[in-house]
N, C-alpha and C. Protein backbone atom coordinates (compact mmCIF):
# COMPACT_ATOMS: atom_id res chain seq x y z
N MET A 1 -52.26 57.11 -56.34
CA MET A 1 -50.55 57.77 -55.75
C MET A 1 -50.22 57.87 -57.13
N LYS A 2 -49.59 58.63 -57.49
CA LYS A 2 -48.81 58.72 -58.45
C LYS A 2 -47.44 58.32 -58.38
N LYS A 3 -46.81 57.79 -59.78
CA LYS A 3 -45.58 57.39 -59.49
C LYS A 3 -44.57 58.15 -59.69
N LYS A 4 -43.63 58.37 -58.94
CA LYS A 4 -42.53 59.24 -59.32
C LYS A 4 -41.83 59.12 -60.26
N ARG A 5 -41.49 60.02 -60.80
CA ARG A 5 -40.64 59.70 -62.38
C ARG A 5 -38.88 59.88 -61.69
N THR A 6 -37.74 59.19 -61.68
CA THR A 6 -36.70 59.72 -61.37
C THR A 6 -35.92 60.19 -62.80
N LEU A 7 -35.35 61.39 -62.55
CA LEU A 7 -34.68 62.19 -63.50
C LEU A 7 -33.26 61.27 -63.61
N ASN A 8 -32.80 61.09 -64.83
CA ASN A 8 -32.02 60.25 -64.89
C ASN A 8 -31.10 60.83 -66.33
N LYS A 9 -29.66 61.30 -66.54
CA LYS A 9 -28.87 61.90 -67.54
C LYS A 9 -28.99 60.85 -68.63
N TYR A 10 -29.28 59.60 -68.57
CA TYR A 10 -28.82 58.94 -69.50
C TYR A 10 -30.22 58.21 -69.97
N LEU A 11 -31.37 58.61 -69.60
CA LEU A 11 -32.65 58.11 -69.99
C LEU A 11 -32.80 58.33 -71.45
N GLY A 12 -33.32 57.69 -72.35
CA GLY A 12 -33.43 57.44 -73.71
C GLY A 12 -32.37 57.47 -74.57
N LYS A 13 -30.55 57.29 -74.10
CA LYS A 13 -29.82 57.22 -74.64
C LYS A 13 -29.05 56.10 -74.83
N TRP A 14 -28.17 55.82 -76.10
CA TRP A 14 -27.41 54.61 -75.74
C TRP A 14 -26.15 54.78 -74.85
N VAL A 15 -25.86 53.59 -74.31
CA VAL A 15 -24.66 53.91 -73.53
C VAL A 15 -23.59 52.44 -73.62
N LEU A 16 -22.65 52.79 -73.32
CA LEU A 16 -21.66 51.83 -73.47
C LEU A 16 -21.23 51.39 -71.87
N LEU A 17 -21.68 50.33 -71.68
CA LEU A 17 -21.05 49.84 -70.05
C LEU A 17 -20.18 48.99 -70.29
N ASP A 18 -19.65 48.85 -68.66
CA ASP A 18 -18.49 47.89 -68.47
C ASP A 18 -19.09 46.63 -67.83
N LYS A 19 -18.12 45.60 -67.29
CA LYS A 19 -18.79 44.26 -66.92
C LYS A 19 -19.71 44.76 -65.91
N GLU A 20 -19.38 45.58 -64.99
CA GLU A 20 -20.32 46.07 -63.64
C GLU A 20 -21.60 46.60 -64.13
N ASN A 21 -21.95 46.92 -65.35
CA ASN A 21 -22.78 47.75 -65.51
C ASN A 21 -22.76 49.01 -65.26
N GLN A 22 -21.35 49.65 -65.35
CA GLN A 22 -21.30 51.22 -65.01
C GLN A 22 -21.18 51.70 -66.35
N VAL A 23 -21.82 53.14 -66.70
CA VAL A 23 -21.87 53.86 -67.70
C VAL A 23 -20.37 54.55 -68.02
N ILE A 24 -20.02 54.26 -69.40
CA ILE A 24 -18.52 54.56 -69.73
C ILE A 24 -18.66 55.80 -70.27
N TYR A 25 -19.61 55.78 -71.38
CA TYR A 25 -19.83 56.59 -72.58
C TYR A 25 -21.71 56.61 -72.88
N ALA A 26 -21.98 57.79 -73.06
CA ALA A 26 -23.49 57.61 -73.93
C ALA A 26 -23.60 58.96 -74.81
N SER A 27 -24.49 58.57 -75.50
CA SER A 27 -24.86 59.46 -76.59
C SER A 27 -26.17 59.19 -77.30
N ASP A 28 -26.82 59.89 -77.97
CA ASP A 28 -27.90 60.22 -78.66
C ASP A 28 -28.24 59.08 -79.76
N ASN A 29 -26.85 59.03 -80.26
CA ASN A 29 -26.72 58.38 -81.26
C ASN A 29 -25.81 56.99 -81.44
N VAL A 30 -26.46 55.68 -81.82
CA VAL A 30 -25.74 54.61 -81.45
C VAL A 30 -24.34 54.36 -82.30
N ALA A 31 -23.97 54.77 -83.36
CA ALA A 31 -22.79 54.77 -84.13
C ALA A 31 -21.77 55.47 -83.44
N ASP A 32 -21.81 56.77 -82.59
CA ASP A 32 -20.96 57.21 -81.59
C ASP A 32 -20.56 56.29 -80.66
N VAL A 33 -21.64 55.42 -80.14
CA VAL A 33 -21.25 54.38 -78.83
C VAL A 33 -20.23 53.14 -79.65
N VAL A 34 -20.97 52.84 -80.86
CA VAL A 34 -20.20 51.89 -81.40
C VAL A 34 -18.74 52.27 -81.46
N GLU A 35 -18.54 53.20 -82.37
CA GLU A 35 -17.09 53.50 -82.33
C GLU A 35 -16.07 53.92 -81.19
N LYS A 36 -16.82 54.35 -80.21
CA LYS A 36 -16.13 54.24 -78.74
C LYS A 36 -16.14 53.01 -78.03
N GLY A 37 -16.69 52.06 -78.15
CA GLY A 37 -16.57 50.77 -77.81
C GLY A 37 -15.47 50.09 -78.61
N ARG A 38 -14.98 50.53 -79.83
CA ARG A 38 -14.16 49.87 -80.68
C ARG A 38 -12.98 49.88 -79.88
N GLU A 39 -12.78 51.05 -78.82
CA GLU A 39 -11.29 51.35 -78.13
C GLU A 39 -11.03 50.31 -77.20
N TYR A 40 -12.19 49.35 -76.75
CA TYR A 40 -11.73 48.32 -75.51
C TYR A 40 -11.77 47.15 -76.17
N PRO A 41 -10.99 46.05 -75.18
CA PRO A 41 -10.94 44.81 -76.07
C PRO A 41 -12.50 44.29 -76.04
N TYR A 42 -12.15 43.11 -77.05
CA TYR A 42 -13.52 42.25 -77.14
C TYR A 42 -14.32 41.82 -75.76
N ASN A 43 -15.43 41.51 -75.51
CA ASN A 43 -16.12 41.04 -74.44
C ASN A 43 -15.95 42.00 -73.18
N GLU A 44 -15.47 43.35 -73.30
CA GLU A 44 -15.19 44.04 -71.94
C GLU A 44 -16.15 44.91 -71.88
N VAL A 45 -17.00 45.24 -72.87
CA VAL A 45 -17.90 46.24 -72.64
C VAL A 45 -18.92 45.86 -73.40
N SER A 46 -20.45 46.58 -73.06
CA SER A 46 -21.52 46.00 -73.72
C SER A 46 -22.26 47.38 -74.29
N ILE A 47 -23.18 47.21 -75.49
CA ILE A 47 -24.23 48.54 -75.80
C ILE A 47 -25.43 48.36 -75.50
N GLY A 48 -26.06 49.33 -74.73
CA GLY A 48 -27.68 49.36 -74.32
C GLY A 48 -28.24 50.54 -74.49
N LYS A 49 -29.44 50.60 -74.11
CA LYS A 49 -30.31 52.02 -74.10
C LYS A 49 -30.76 51.65 -73.04
N LYS A 50 -30.71 53.14 -72.48
CA LYS A 50 -31.13 53.36 -70.84
C LYS A 50 -32.77 53.88 -71.09
N LEU A 51 -34.09 53.07 -70.48
CA LEU A 51 -34.98 53.35 -70.58
C LEU A 51 -35.88 53.95 -69.51
N ASP A 52 -37.07 54.09 -69.32
CA ASP A 52 -37.66 54.59 -68.06
C ASP A 52 -38.19 53.38 -67.78
N PRO A 53 -38.13 53.09 -66.45
CA PRO A 53 -38.34 52.02 -65.65
C PRO A 53 -40.02 51.32 -66.00
N GLY A 54 -39.96 50.10 -66.36
CA GLY A 54 -41.45 49.39 -66.74
C GLY A 54 -41.47 49.86 -68.19
N SER A 55 -40.92 50.20 -69.21
CA SER A 55 -41.05 50.68 -70.43
C SER A 55 -40.40 49.14 -71.28
N CYS A 56 -40.90 48.98 -72.51
CA CYS A 56 -40.53 47.98 -73.17
C CYS A 56 -39.61 48.40 -74.43
N PHE A 57 -38.69 47.63 -74.66
CA PHE A 57 -37.88 48.25 -76.21
C PHE A 57 -37.82 47.14 -77.14
N PHE A 58 -38.16 47.12 -78.21
CA PHE A 58 -38.10 45.94 -79.39
C PHE A 58 -37.36 46.24 -80.72
């Protein structure tokens, strides 16, 4: 049985997340996300990378 691949517009991109893990901003460049994150108070947002389910990022 083939695994269905879900299409997500954020896959492979760096994202800025709020406390509820909702995407605020997304970009291919991590520097853009860091700059956007500086507009928010400390500990209000986090930066992550959206990957395919089951993949590993080191």
